[in-house]
Amino acid sequence: MAPFVEMVSRAEDLYWPSGPPMSPLTGSYFTSWACFDACVGAANETIGTCIIAVGQSTRGPMDDLDSEWQRKGATLSDKTARTEFGLTQDEIVQAIRAGKLHYPPGATQKEKAEKH
């Protein structure tokens, strides 16, 4: 991380205006450059490529593009999701909250009625 910080700091000193007039776009352009164009290391990584790599390494069973979860209009019960995909109820709830999994309106009401 130190080489990245050093490179961005030098660029900031060289290219970032120290005073007016200063365009409001300067910060936006500089930040975009620092995150997605400023390469460091032997693999020429950027902050953006590091973020993508972390995201890909934390993928779960619902992120598989060929899975039942990804078919448009596919429906699965939470019991099937737990059994076939090895998900816990907490993972299902987290996926719903994250917008990765949707449930039909009234589904929770139906479950409550069935339990009583």
PDB file of N, CA and C in Angstrom:
ATOM      1  N   MET A   1       0.824  -1.184   0.000  1.00  0.00           N
ATOM      2  CA  MET A   1       0.000   0.000   0.000  1.00  0.00           C
ATOM      3  C   MET A   1       0.875   1.258   0.000  1.00  0.00           C
ATOM      4  N   ALA A   2       2.047   1.164   0.600  1.00  0.00           N
ATOM      5  CA  ALA A   2       2.928   2.329   0.684  1.00  0.00           C
ATOM      6  C   ALA A   2       3.295   2.888  -0.703  1.00  0.00           C
ATOM      7  N   PRO A   3       3.625   2.028  -1.697  1.00  0.00           N
ATOM      8  CA  PRO A   3       3.934   2.577  -3.025  1.00  0.00           C
ATOM      9  C   PRO A   3       2.751   3.328  -3.638  1.00  0.00           C
ATOM     10  N   PHE A   4       1.556   2.828  -3.413  1.00  0.00           N
ATOM     11  CA  PHE A   4       0.363   3.501  -3.932  1.00  0.00           C
ATOM     12  C   PHE A   4       0.191   4.873  -3.276  1.00  0.00           C
ATOM     13  N   VAL A   5       0.296   4.906  -1.964  1.00  0.00           N
ATOM     14  CA  VAL A   5       0.134   6.167  -1.232  1.00  0.00           C
ATOM     15  C   VAL A   5       1.185   7.179  -1.687  1.00  0.00           C
ATOM     16  N   GLU A   6       2.409   6.722  -1.867  1.00  0.00           N
ATOM     17  CA  GLU A   6       3.493   7.622  -2.310  1.00  0.00           C
ATOM     18  C   GLU A   6       3.206   8.180  -3.707  1.00  0.00           C
ATOM     19  N   MET A   7       2.770   7.317  -4.628  1.00  0.00           N
ATOM     20  CA  MET A   7       2.496   7.760  -5.992  1.00  0.00           C
ATOM     21  C   MET A   7       1.338   8.757  -6.025  1.00  0.00           C
ATOM     22  N   VAL A   8       0.255   8.450  -5.318  1.00  0.00           N
ATOM     23  CA  VAL A   8      -0.909   9.330  -5.318  1.00  0.00           C
ATOM     24  C   VAL A   8      -0.575  10.658  -4.629  1.00  0.00           C
ATOM     25  N   SER A   9       0.201  10.606  -3.571  1.00  0.00           N
ATOM     26  CA  SER A   9       0.604  11.842  -2.881  1.00  0.00           C
ATOM     27  C   SER A   9       1.431  12.743  -3.793  1.00  0.00           C
ATOM     28  N   ARG A  10       2.373  12.134  -4.526  1.00  0.00           N
ATOM     29  CA  ARG A  10       3.175  12.932  -5.465  1.00  0.00           C
ATOM     30  C   ARG A  10       2.297  13.544  -6.549  1.00  0.00           C
ATOM     31  N   ALA A  11       1.378  12.754  -7.091  1.00  0.00           N
ATOM     32  CA  ALA A  11       0.477  13.257  -8.129  1.00  0.00           C
ATOM     33  C   ALA A  11      -0.415  14.367  -7.577  1.00  0.00           C
ATOM     34  N   GLU A  12      -0.871  14.204  -6.370  1.00  0.00           N
ATOM     35  CA  GLU A  12      -1.714  15.225  -5.751  1.00  0.00           C
ATOM     36  C   GLU A  12      -0.944  16.536  -5.602  1.00  0.00           C
ATOM     37  N   ASP A  13       0.317  16.435  -5.176  1.00  0.00           N
ATOM     38  CA  ASP A  13       1.138  17.643  -5.043  1.00  0.00           C
ATOM     39  C   ASP A  13       1.372  18.315  -6.388  1.00  0.00           C
ATOM     40  N   LEU A  14       1.549  17.524  -7.442  1.00  0.00           N
ATOM     41  CA  LEU A  14       1.833  18.080  -8.763  1.00  0.00           C
ATOM     42  C   LEU A  14       0.600  18.629  -9.477  1.00  0.00           C
ATOM     43  N   TYR A  15      -0.513  17.918  -9.385  1.00  0.00           N
ATOM     44  CA  TYR A  15      -1.647  18.235 -10.247  1.00  0.00           C
ATOM     45  C   TYR A  15      -2.855  18.863  -9.564  1.00  0.00           C
ATOM     46  N   TRP A  16      -2.942  18.777  -8.267  1.00  0.00           N
ATOM     47  CA  TRP A  16      -4.106  19.315  -7.567  1.00  0.00           C
ATOM     48  C   TRP A  16      -3.857  20.789  -7.278  1.00  0.00           C
ATOM     49  N   PRO A  17      -4.732  21.663  -7.735  1.00  0.00           N
ATOM     50  CA  PRO A  17      -4.523  23.095  -7.486  1.00  0.00           C
ATOM     51  C   PRO A  17      -4.530  23.406  -5.991  1.00  0.00           C
ATOM     52  N   SER A  18      -3.691  24.330  -5.600  1.00  0.00           N
ATOM     53  CA  SER A  18      -3.617  24.684  -4.182  1.00  0.00           C
ATOM     54  C   SER A  18      -4.614  25.766  -3.799  1.00  0.00           C
ATOM     55  N   GLY A  19      -5.271  26.348  -4.754  1.00  0.00           N
ATOM     56  CA  GLY A  19      -6.221  27.399  -4.407  1.00  0.00           C
ATOM     57  C   GLY A  19      -7.106  27.761  -5.574  1.00  0.00           C
ATOM     58  N   PRO A  20      -7.953  28.761  -5.395  1.00  0.00           N
ATOM     59  CA  PRO A  20      -8.893  29.164  -6.442  1.00  0.00           C
ATOM     60  C   PRO A  20      -8.165  29.684  -7.672  1.00  0.00           C
ATOM     61  N   PRO A  21      -8.760  29.617  -8.810  1.00  0.00           N
ATOM     62  CA  PRO A  21     -10.031  28.968  -9.082  1.00  0.00           C
ATOM     63  C   PRO A  21      -9.840  27.462  -9.151  1.00  0.00           C
ATOM     64  N   MET A  22     -10.767  26.742  -8.553  1.00  0.00           N
ATOM     65  CA  MET A  22     -10.689  25.283  -8.539  1.00  0.00           C
ATOM     66  C   MET A  22     -12.022  24.711  -9.004  1.00  0.00           C
ATOM     67  N   SER A  23     -11.965  23.902 -10.005  1.00  0.00           N
ATOM     68  CA  SER A  23     -13.169  23.292 -10.549  1.00  0.00           C
ATOM     69  C   SER A  23     -13.688  22.231  -9.581  1.00  0.00           C
ATOM     70  N   PRO A  24     -14.992  22.123  -9.420  1.00  0.00           N
ATOM     71  CA  PRO A  24     -15.536  21.064  -8.571  1.00  0.00           C
ATOM     72  C   PRO A  24     -15.280  19.673  -9.149  1.00  0.00           C
ATOM     73  N   LEU A  25     -14.925  19.608 -10.419  1.00  0.00           N
ATOM     74  CA  LEU A  25     -14.652  18.315 -11.039  1.00  0.00           C
ATOM     75  C   LEU A  25     -13.254  17.789 -10.718  1.00  0.00           C
ATOM     76  N   THR A  26     -12.367  18.659 -10.274  1.00  0.00           N
ATOM     77  CA  THR A  26     -10.984  18.257 -10.027  1.00  0.00           C
ATOM     78  C   THR A  26     -10.917  17.088  -9.053  1.00  0.00           C
ATOM     79  N   GLY A  27     -11.612  17.199  -7.924  1.00  0.00           N
ATOM     80  CA  GLY A  27     -11.591  16.117  -6.929  1.00  0.00           C
ATOM     81  C   GLY A  27     -12.161  14.825  -7.469  1.00  0.00           C
ATOM     82  N   SER A  28     -13.231  14.925  -8.234  1.00  0.00           N
ATOM     83  CA  SER A  28     -13.867  13.743  -8.807  1.00  0.00           C
ATOM     84  C   SER A  28     -12.946  13.047  -9.802  1.00  0.00           C
ATOM     85  N   TYR A  29     -12.343  13.824 -10.687  1.00  0.00           N
ATOM     86  CA  TYR A  29     -11.435  13.244 -11.675  1.00  0.00           C
ATOM     87  C   TYR A  29     -10.214  12.625 -10.999  1.00  0.00           C
ATOM     88  N   PHE A  30      -9.671  13.327 -10.007  1.00  0.00           N
ATOM     89  CA  PHE A  30      -8.476  12.829  -9.330  1.00  0.00           C
ATOM     90  C   PHE A  30      -8.787  11.530  -8.592  1.00  0.00           C
ATOM     91  N   THR A  31      -9.927  11.487  -7.905  1.00  0.00           N
ATOM     92  CA  THR A  31     -10.306  10.283  -7.166  1.00  0.00           C
ATOM     93  C   THR A  31     -10.531   9.113  -8.112  1.00  0.00           C
ATOM     94  N   SER A  32     -11.178   9.355  -9.233  1.00  0.00           N
ATOM     95  CA  SER A  32     -11.382   8.293 -10.224  1.00  0.00           C
ATOM     96  C   SER A  32     -10.050   7.775 -10.737  1.00  0.00           C
ATOM     97  N   TRP A  33      -9.142   8.691 -11.026  1.00  0.00           N
ATOM     98  CA  TRP A  33      -7.810   8.286 -11.491  1.00  0.00           C
ATOM     99  C   TRP A  33      -7.107   7.454 -10.421  1.00  0.00           C
ATOM    100  N   ALA A  34      -7.155   7.924  -9.171  1.00  0.00           N
ATOM    101  CA  ALA A  34      -6.451   7.233  -8.087  1.00  0.00           C
ATOM    102  C   ALA A  34      -7.018   5.825  -7.864  1.00  0.00           C
ATOM    103  N   CYS A  35      -8.313   5.660  -8.025  1.00  0.00           N
ATOM    104  CA  CYS A  35      -8.926   4.348  -7.774  1.00  0.00           C
ATOM    105  C   CYS A  35      -8.823   3.385  -8.947  1.00  0.00           C
ATOM    106  N   PHE A  36      -8.915   3.906 -10.159  1.00  0.00           N
ATOM    107  CA  PHE A  36      -9.056   3.004 -11.304  1.00  0.00           C
ATOM    108  C   PHE A  36      -7.930   3.061 -12.331  1.00  0.00           C
ATOM    109  N   ASP A  37      -7.050   4.048 -12.250  1.00  0.00           N
ATOM    110  CA  ASP A  37      -5.973   4.159 -13.238  1.00  0.00           C
ATOM    111  C   ASP A  37      -4.574   4.101 -12.636  1.00  0.00           C
ATOM    112  N   ALA A  38      -4.440   4.442 -11.378  1.00  0.00           N
ATOM    113  CA  ALA A  38      -3.122   4.466 -10.738  1.00  0.00           C
ATOM    114  C   ALA A  38      -2.702   3.035 -10.403  1.00  0.00           C
ATOM    115  N   CYS A  39      -1.795   2.482 -11.208  1.00  0.00           N
ATOM    116  CA  CYS A  39      -1.364   1.086 -11.049  1.00  0.00           C
ATOM    117  C   CYS A  39      -0.086   1.010 -10.234  1.00  0.00           C
ATOM    118  N   VAL A  40      -0.017   0.009  -9.358  1.00  0.00           N
ATOM    119  CA  VAL A  40       1.191  -0.229  -8.569  1.00  0.00           C
ATOM    120  C   VAL A  40       1.451  -1.725  -8.491  1.00  0.00           C
ATOM    121  N   GLY A  41       2.658  -2.076  -8.106  1.00  0.00           N
ATOM    122  CA  GLY A  41       3.018  -3.476  -7.902  1.00  0.00           C
ATOM    123  C   GLY A  41       3.383  -4.178  -9.186  1.00  0.00           C
ATOM    124  N   ALA A  42       3.863  -5.397  -9.034  1.00  0.00           N
ATOM    125  CA  ALA A  42       4.305  -6.199 -10.181  1.00  0.00           C
ATOM    126  C   ALA A  42       3.150  -6.531 -11.120  1.00  0.00           C
ATOM    127  N   ALA A  43       1.937  -6.636 -10.563  1.00  0.00           N
ATOM    128  CA  ALA A  43       0.774  -6.983 -11.381  1.00  0.00           C
ATOM    129  C   ALA A  43       0.023  -5.748 -11.874  1.00  0.00           C
ATOM    130  N   ASN A  44       0.577  -4.568 -11.644  1.00  0.00           N
ATOM    131  CA  ASN A  44      -0.083  -3.314 -12.033  1.00  0.00           C
ATOM    132  C   ASN A  44      -1.529  -3.246 -11.548  1.00  0.00           C
ATOM    133  N   GLU A  45      -1.706  -3.488 -10.267  1.00  0.00           N
ATOM    134  CA  GLU A  45      -3.044  -3.465  -9.678  1.00  0.00           C
ATOM    135  C   GLU A  45      -3.470  -2.039  -9.351  1.00  0.00           C
ATOM    136  N   THR A  46      -4.783  -1.850  -9.368  1.00  0.00           N
ATOM    137  CA  THR A  46      -5.355  -0.576  -8.926  1.00  0.00           C
ATOM    138  C   THR A  46      -6.215  -0.872  -7.702  1.00  0.00           C
ATOM    139  N   ILE A  47      -6.648   0.169  -7.019  1.00  0.00           N
ATOM    140  CA  ILE A  47      -7.568  -0.024  -5.903  1.00  0.00           C
ATOM    141  C   ILE A  47      -8.829  -0.728  -6.426  1.00  0.00           C
ATOM    142  N   GLY A  48      -9.272  -0.349  -7.604  1.00  0.00           N
ATOM    143  CA  GLY A  48     -10.452  -0.963  -8.205  1.00  0.00           C
ATOM    144  C   GLY A  48     -10.287  -2.451  -8.431  1.00  0.00           C
ATOM    145  N   THR A  49      -9.144  -2.888  -8.985  1.00  0.00           N
ATOM    146  CA  THR A  49      -8.945  -4.322  -9.211  1.00  0.00           C
ATOM    147  C   THR A  49      -8.850  -5.079  -7.888  1.00  0.00           C
ATOM    148  N   CYS A  50      -8.320  -4.443  -6.861  1.00  0.00           N
ATOM    149  CA  CYS A  50      -8.260  -5.085  -5.536  1.00  0.00           C
ATOM    150  C   CYS A  50      -9.664  -5.268  -4.969  1.00  0.00           C
ATOM    151  N   ILE A  51     -10.509  -4.259  -5.129  1.00  0.00           N
ATOM    152  CA  ILE A  51     -11.890  -4.353  -4.637  1.00  0.00           C
ATOM    153  C   ILE A  51     -12.632  -5.470  -5.372  1.00  0.00           C
ATOM    154  N   ILE A  52     -12.439  -5.558  -6.674  1.00  0.00           N
ATOM    155  CA  ILE A  52     -13.083  -6.617  -7.456  1.00  0.00           C
ATOM    156  C   ILE A  52     -12.607  -7.993  -6.990  1.00  0.00           C
ATOM    157  N   ALA A  53     -11.304  -8.139  -6.760  1.00  0.00           N
ATOM    158  CA  ALA A  53     -10.757  -9.430  -6.317  1.00  0.00           C
ATOM    159  C   ALA A  53     -11.333  -9.838  -4.962  1.00  0.00           C
ATOM    160  N   VAL A  54     -11.454  -8.892  -4.053  1.00  0.00           N
ATOM    161  CA  VAL A  54     -12.033  -9.203  -2.742  1.00  0.00           C
ATOM    162  C   VAL A  54     -13.485  -9.636  -2.910  1.00  0.00           C
ATOM    163  N   GLY A  55     -14.232  -8.914  -3.741  1.00  0.00           N
ATOM    164  CA  GLY A  55     -15.626  -9.270  -3.974  1.00  0.00           C
ATOM    165  C   GLY A  55     -15.776 -10.655  -4.560  1.00  0.00           C
ATOM    166  N   GLN A  56     -14.911 -11.003  -5.496  1.00  0.00           N
ATOM    167  CA  GLN A  56     -14.996 -12.322  -6.122  1.00  0.00           C
ATOM    168  C   GLN A  56     -14.590 -13.433  -5.161  1.00  0.00           C
ATOM    169  N   SER A  57     -13.705 -13.131  -4.233  1.00  0.00           N
ATOM    170  CA  SER A  57     -13.268 -14.165  -3.298  1.00  0.00           C
ATOM    171  C   SER A  57     -14.292 -14.419  -2.206  1.00  0.00           C
ATOM    172  N   THR A  58     -15.266 -13.542  -2.071  1.00  0.00           N
ATOM    173  CA  THR A  58     -16.272 -13.713  -1.026  1.00  0.00           C
ATOM    174  C   THR A  58     -17.616 -14.129  -1.600  1.00  0.00           C
ATOM    175  N   ARG A  59     -17.613 -14.671  -2.792  1.00  0.00           N
ATOM    176  CA  ARG A  59     -18.864 -15.084  -3.431  1.00  0.00           C
ATOM    177  C   ARG A  59     -19.479 -16.255  -2.693  1.00  0.00           C
ATOM    178  N   GLY A  60     -20.777 -16.286  -2.683  1.00  0.00           N
ATOM    179  CA  GLY A  60     -21.506 -17.363  -2.027  1.00  0.00           C
ATOM    180  C   GLY A  60     -22.286 -18.171  -3.044  1.00  0.00           C
ATOM    181  N   PRO A  61     -23.049 -19.140  -2.587  1.00  0.00           N
ATOM    182  CA  PRO A  61     -23.783 -20.006  -3.506  1.00  0.00           C
ATOM    183  C   PRO A  61     -24.818 -19.261  -4.341  1.00  0.00           C
ATOM    184  N   MET A  62     -25.316 -18.132  -3.859  1.00  0.00           N
ATOM    185  CA  MET A  62     -26.324 -17.401  -4.627  1.00  0.00           C
ATOM    186  C   MET A  62     -25.717 -16.547  -5.725  1.00  0.00           C
ATOM    187  N   ASP A  63     -24.392 -16.441  -5.753  1.00  0.00           N
ATOM    188  CA  ASP A  63     -23.739 -15.638  -6.780  1.00  0.00           C
ATOM    189  C   ASP A  63     -23.409 -16.432  -8.037  1.00  0.00           C
ATOM    190  N   ASP A  64     -23.613 -17.727  -8.023  1.00  0.00           N
ATOM    191  CA  ASP A  64     -23.344 -18.575  -9.182  1.00  0.00           C
ATOM    192  C   ASP A  64     -24.360 -18.243 -10.274  1.00  0.00           C
ATOM    193  N   LEU A  65     -23.889 -17.723 -11.388  1.00  0.00           N
ATOM    194  CA  LEU A  65     -24.785 -17.259 -12.448  1.00  0.00           C
ATOM    195  C   LEU A  65     -25.577 -18.383 -13.103  1.00  0.00           C
ATOM    196  N   ASP A  66     -25.128 -19.625 -12.969  1.00  0.00           N
ATOM    197  CA  ASP A  66     -25.844 -20.753 -13.557  1.00  0.00           C
ATOM    198  C   ASP A  66     -26.815 -21.404 -12.569  1.00  0.00           C
ATOM    199  N   SER A  67     -26.900 -20.874 -11.371  1.00  0.00           N
ATOM    200  CA  SER A  67     -27.726 -21.516 -10.355  1.00  0.00           C
ATOM    201  C   SER A  67     -29.197 -21.205 -10.546  1.00  0.00           C
ATOM    202  N   GLU A  68     -30.014 -21.986  -9.878  1.00  0.00           N
ATOM    203  CA  GLU A  68     -31.465 -21.782  -9.899  1.00  0.00           C
ATOM    204  C   GLU A  68     -31.833 -20.385  -9.435  1.00  0.00           C
ATOM    205  N   TRP A  69     -31.029 -19.834  -8.524  1.00  0.00           N
ATOM    206  CA  TRP A  69     -31.321 -18.512  -7.964  1.00  0.00           C
ATOM    207  C   TRP A  69     -31.312 -17.436  -9.035  1.00  0.00           C
ATOM    208  N   GLN A  70     -30.548 -17.644 -10.090  1.00  0.00           N
ATOM    209  CA  GLN A  70     -30.356 -16.584 -11.075  1.00  0.00           C
ATOM    210  C   GLN A  70     -31.339 -16.648 -12.239  1.00  0.00           C
ATOM    211  N   ARG A  71     -32.112 -17.722 -12.358  1.00  0.00           N
ATOM    212  CA  ARG A  71     -33.078 -17.814 -13.449  1.00  0.00           C
ATOM    213  C   ARG A  71     -34.208 -16.831 -13.225  1.00  0.00           C
ATOM    214  N   LYS A  72     -34.554 -16.097 -14.250  1.00  0.00           N
ATOM    215  CA  LYS A  72     -35.632 -15.118 -14.137  1.00  0.00           C
ATOM    216  C   LYS A  72     -36.941 -15.828 -13.834  1.00  0.00           C
ATOM    217  N   GLY A  73     -37.610 -15.377 -12.792  1.00  0.00           N
ATOM    218  CA  GLY A  73     -38.886 -15.945 -12.416  1.00  0.00           C
ATOM    219  C   GLY A  73     -38.798 -17.240 -11.624  1.00  0.00           C
ATOM    220  N   ALA A  74     -37.596 -17.719 -11.352  1.00  0.00           N
ATOM    221  CA  ALA A  74     -37.449 -18.961 -10.594  1.00  0.00           C
ATOM    222  C   ALA A  74     -37.910 -18.746  -9.162  1.00  0.00           C
ATOM    223  N   THR A  75     -38.564 -19.746  -8.618  1.00  0.00           N
ATOM    224  CA  THR A  75     -38.987 -19.666  -7.228  1.00  0.00           C
ATOM    225  C   THR A  75     -38.528 -20.904  -6.489  1.00  0.00           C
ATOM    226  N   LEU A  76     -38.083 -20.704  -5.275  1.00  0.00           N
ATOM    227  CA  LEU A  76     -37.661 -21.795  -4.410  1.00  0.00           C
ATOM    228  C   LEU A  76     -38.159 -21.492  -3.006  1.00  0.00           C
ATOM    229  N   SER A  77     -38.546 -22.514  -2.302  1.00  0.00           N
ATOM    230  CA  SER A  77     -38.925 -22.295  -0.911  1.00  0.00           C
ATOM    231  C   SER A  77     -37.652 -22.145  -0.092  1.00  0.00           C
ATOM    232  N   ASP A  78     -37.800 -21.566   1.095  1.00  0.00           N
ATOM    233  CA  ASP A  78     -36.608 -21.448   1.932  1.00  0.00           C
ATOM    234  C   ASP A  78     -36.114 -22.823   2.357  1.00  0.00           C
ATOM    235  N   LYS A  79     -37.024 -23.799   2.468  1.00  0.00           N
ATOM    236  CA  LYS A  79     -36.623 -25.172   2.800  1.00  0.00           C
ATOM    237  C   LYS A  79     -35.752 -25.752   1.684  1.00  0.00           C
ATOM    238  N   THR A  80     -36.160 -25.544   0.431  1.00  0.00           N
ATOM    239  CA  THR A  80     -35.374 -26.028  -0.708  1.00  0.00           C
ATOM    240  C   THR A  80     -34.027 -25.324  -0.758  1.00  0.00           C
ATOM    241  N   ALA A  81     -34.024 -24.029  -0.513  1.00  0.00           N
ATOM    242  CA  ALA A  81     -32.766 -23.273  -0.526  1.00  0.00           C
ATOM    243  C   ALA A  81     -31.804 -23.810   0.532  1.00  0.00           C
ATOM    244  N   ARG A  82     -32.329 -24.116   1.701  1.00  0.00           N
ATOM    245  CA  ARG A  82     -31.468 -24.658   2.763  1.00  0.00           C
ATOM    246  C   ARG A  82     -30.959 -26.042   2.404  1.00  0.00           C
ATOM    247  N   THR A  83     -31.831 -26.884   1.851  1.00  0.00           N
ATOM    248  CA  THR A  83     -31.468 -28.266   1.534  1.00  0.00           C
ATOM    249  C   THR A  83     -30.538 -28.370   0.324  1.00  0.00           C
ATOM    250  N   GLU A  84     -30.953 -27.771  -0.803  1.00  0.00           N
ATOM    251  CA  GLU A  84     -30.202 -27.937  -2.051  1.00  0.00           C
ATOM    252  C   GLU A  84     -28.951 -27.080  -2.136  1.00  0.00           C
ATOM    253  N   PHE A  85     -28.969 -25.916  -1.489  1.00  0.00           N
ATOM    254  CA  PHE A  85     -27.832 -25.010  -1.606  1.00  0.00           C
ATOM    255  C   PHE A  85     -27.026 -24.895  -0.317  1.00  0.00           C
ATOM    256  N   GLY A  86     -27.461 -25.574   0.715  1.00  0.00           N
ATOM    257  CA  GLY A  86     -26.717 -25.555   1.972  1.00  0.00           C
ATOM    258  C   GLY A  86     -26.732 -24.203   2.669  1.00  0.00           C
ATOM    259  N   LEU A  87     -27.773 -23.426   2.421  1.00  0.00           N
ATOM    260  CA  LEU A  87     -27.865 -22.106   3.035  1.00  0.00           C
ATOM    261  C   LEU A  87     -28.514 -22.194   4.406  1.00  0.00           C
ATOM    262  N   THR A  88     -28.142 -21.280   5.264  1.00  0.00           N
ATOM    263  CA  THR A  88     -28.808 -21.168   6.552  1.00  0.00           C
ATOM    264  C   THR A  88     -29.948 -20.166   6.415  1.00  0.00           C
ATOM    265  N   GLN A  89     -30.856 -20.174   7.366  1.00  0.00           N
ATOM    266  CA  GLN A  89     -31.955 -19.210   7.346  1.00  0.00           C
ATOM    267  C   GLN A  89     -31.405 -17.784   7.408  1.00  0.00           C
ATOM    268  N   ASP A  90     -30.335 -17.568   8.188  1.00  0.00           N
ATOM    269  CA  ASP A  90     -29.725 -16.240   8.279  1.00  0.00           C
ATOM    270  C   ASP A  90     -29.184 -15.782   6.927  1.00  0.00           C
ATOM    271  N   GLU A  91     -28.571 -16.700   6.165  1.00  0.00           N
ATOM    272  CA  GLU A  91     -28.055 -16.339   4.834  1.00  0.00           C
ATOM    273  C   GLU A  91     -29.192 -15.966   3.895  1.00  0.00           C
ATOM    274  N   ILE A  92     -30.308 -16.666   4.001  1.00  0.00           N
ATOM    275  CA  ILE A  92     -31.464 -16.343   3.163  1.00  0.00           C
ATOM    276  C   ILE A  92     -31.997 -14.959   3.505  1.00  0.00           C
ATOM    277  N   VAL A  93     -32.119 -14.668   4.796  1.00  0.00           N
ATOM    278  CA  VAL A  93     -32.601 -13.354   5.233  1.00  0.00           C
ATOM    279  C   VAL A  93     -31.634 -12.257   4.789  1.00  0.00           C
ATOM    280  N   GLN A  94     -30.331 -12.490   4.911  1.00  0.00           N
ATOM    281  CA  GLN A  94     -29.337 -11.509   4.471  1.00  0.00           C
ATOM    282  C   GLN A  94     -29.435 -11.258   2.976  1.00  0.00           C
ATOM    283  N   ALA A  95     -29.653 -12.317   2.188  1.00  0.00           N
ATOM    284  CA  ALA A  95     -29.785 -12.164   0.733  1.00  0.00           C
ATOM    285  C   ALA A  95     -31.024 -11.355   0.381  1.00  0.00           C
ATOM    286  N   ILE A  96     -32.108 -11.557   1.118  1.00  0.00           N
ATOM    287  CA  ILE A  96     -33.331 -10.778   0.887  1.00  0.00           C
ATOM    288  C   ILE A  96     -33.064  -9.309   1.206  1.00  0.00           C
ATOM    289  N   ARG A  97     -32.429  -9.064   2.332  1.00  0.00           N
ATOM    290  CA  ARG A  97     -32.126  -7.673   2.738  1.00  0.00           C
ATOM    291  C   ARG A  97     -31.170  -6.993   1.774  1.00  0.00           C
ATOM    292  N   ALA A  98     -30.260  -7.765   1.170  1.00  0.00           N
ATOM    293  CA  ALA A  98     -29.282  -7.202   0.230  1.00  0.00           C
ATOM    294  C   ALA A  98     -29.871  -7.044  -1.171  1.00  0.00           C
ATOM    295  N   GLY A  99     -31.109  -7.511  -1.369  1.00  0.00           N
ATOM    296  CA  GLY A  99     -31.733  -7.390  -2.682  1.00  0.00           C
ATOM    297  C   GLY A  99     -31.304  -8.456  -3.670  1.00  0.00           C
ATOM    298  N   LYS A 100     -30.582  -9.485  -3.218  1.00  0.00           N
ATOM    299  CA  LYS A 100     -30.149 -10.559  -4.116  1.00  0.00           C
ATOM    300  C   LYS A 100     -31.222 -11.632  -4.262  1.00  0.00           C
ATOM    301  N   LEU A 101     -32.145 -11.659  -3.327  1.00  0.00           N
ATOM    302  CA  LEU A 101     -33.186 -12.664  -3.307  1.00  0.00           C
ATOM    303  C   LEU A 101     -34.502 -11.963  -3.017  1.00  0.00           C
ATOM    304  N   HIS A 102     -35.517 -12.313  -3.746  1.00  0.00           N
ATOM    305  CA  HIS A 102     -36.819 -11.669  -3.578  1.00  0.00           C
ATOM    306  C   HIS A 102     -37.850 -12.711  -3.174  1.00  0.00           C
ATOM    307  N   TYR A 103     -38.847 -12.278  -2.482  1.00  0.00           N
ATOM    308  CA  TYR A 103     -39.924 -13.175  -2.108  1.00  0.00           C
ATOM    309  C   TYR A 103     -41.252 -12.532  -2.475  1.00  0.00           C
ATOM    310  N   PRO A 104     -42.255 -13.353  -2.802  1.00  0.00           N
ATOM    311  CA  PRO A 104     -43.528 -12.791  -3.240  1.00  0.00           C
ATOM    312  C   PRO A 104     -44.232 -12.077  -2.095  1.00  0.00           C
ATOM    313  N   PRO A 105     -44.980 -11.023  -2.406  1.00  0.00           N
ATOM    314  CA  PRO A 105     -45.721 -10.309  -1.365  1.00  0.00           C
ATOM    315  C   PRO A 105     -46.652 -11.274  -0.627  1.00  0.00           C
ATOM    316  N   GLY A 106     -46.714 -11.136   0.666  1.00  0.00           N
ATOM    317  CA  GLY A 106     -47.583 -11.984   1.462  1.00  0.00           C
ATOM    318  C   GLY A 106     -46.978 -13.323   1.840  1.00  0.00           C
ATOM    319  N   ALA A 107     -45.773 -13.622   1.367  1.00  0.00           N
ATOM    320  CA  ALA A 107     -45.151 -14.915   1.670  1.00  0.00           C
ATOM    321  C   ALA A 107     -44.963 -15.091   3.170  1.00  0.00           C
ATOM    322  N   THR A 108     -44.542 -14.039   3.847  1.00  0.00           N
ATOM    323  CA  THR A 108     -44.330 -14.164   5.285  1.00  0.00           C
ATOM    324  C   THR A 108     -45.649 -14.321   6.015  1.00  0.00           C
ATOM    325  N   GLN A 109     -46.707 -13.696   5.519  1.00  0.00           N
ATOM    326  CA  GLN A 109     -48.023 -13.843   6.143  1.00  0.00           C
ATOM    327  C   GLN A 109     -48.527 -15.279   5.981  1.00  0.00           C
ATOM    328  N   LYS A 110     -48.296 -15.858   4.801  1.00  0.00           N
ATOM    329  CA  LYS A 110     -48.725 -17.230   4.520  1.00  0.00           C
ATOM    330  C   LYS A 110     -48.010 -18.203   5.456  1.00  0.00           C
ATOM    331  N   GLU A 111     -46.685 -17.992   5.644  1.00  0.00           N
ATOM    332  CA  GLU A 111     -45.913 -18.860   6.537  1.00  0.00           C
ATOM    333  C   GLU A 111     -46.445 -18.772   7.964  1.00  0.00           C
ATOM    334  N   LYS A 112     -46.777 -17.564   8.414  1.00  0.00           N
ATOM    335  CA  LYS A 112     -47.286 -17.396   9.776  1.00  0.00           C
ATOM    336  C   LYS A 112     -48.611 -18.133   9.940  1.00  0.00           C
ATOM    337  N   ALA A 113     -49.475 -18.061   8.933  1.00  0.00           N
ATOM    338  CA  ALA A 113     -50.770 -18.732   9.000  1.00  0.00           C
ATOM    339  C   ALA A 113     -50.604 -20.251   9.030  1.00  0.00           C
ATOM    340  N   GLU A 114     -49.618 -20.770   8.268  1.00  0.00           N
ATOM    341  CA  GLU A 114     -49.397 -22.210   8.207  1.00  0.00           C
ATOM    342  C   GLU A 114     -48.853 -22.749   9.523  1.00  0.00           C
ATOM    343  N   LYS A 115     -48.117 -21.933  10.256  1.00  0.00           N
ATOM    344  CA  LYS A 115     -47.524 -22.385  11.514  1.00  0.00           C
ATOM    345  C   LYS A 115     -48.565 -22.468  12.626  1.00  0.00           C
ATOM    346  N   HIS A 116     -49.661 -21.737  12.493  1.00  0.00           N
ATOM    347  CA  HIS A 116     -50.675 -21.721  13.559  1.00  0.00           C
ATOM    348  C   HIS A 116     -51.737 -22.729  13.336  1.00  0.00           C
TER     349      HIS A 116
END
